[in-house]
């Protein structure tokens, strides 16, 4: 809801700006369009962050995979219960339950930690993109940079590629 209010406010400001400005001022106004989705996929910081996440969580992912393989092995043993006595069967069933519980806990903890770290990285990336867009706009004397909810824009005012270059600096 807040987002809609902000977007409506921005549209009103733009309309007022363009509505009350003379055609001479309008002709000098520089507007740029920024494709945030593309930047979030192609920025060099994204590639670096993905690699860092993989490295950071590789050991825990291996631990989860090992536990999954152990569970599969234990479940395979449970299919051969005809060769076991009741105590062995009970112990094996308990071990399967415990292993499954441990695996589920590790997976949930892994997912929560991974998601938290990814979200922190995304926040930083969004800040980097805003900073790069602002730097580009100031260097090139842009008056307005829009990102979302644009019905139409020509390729002439798309500054995404230029901002990608600033992010690469």
Foldseek 3Di string as FASTA:
>chain_A
DVVVVVVVVVVVVVCVVVVPDDVVVVVVAAEAEAAVVVCCVPAPLNVVLVVVLCVVCVVLVVVLVVLVVVLVVLVVVLVVCVVDDPVVNVVSVVVSVVSVVVSVVSVVVSVVVSVVSVVVSVVVSVVLLVVLVVVVCVVVVHDYYHYDDDPDDDPVRYCHVVSSVSSVD
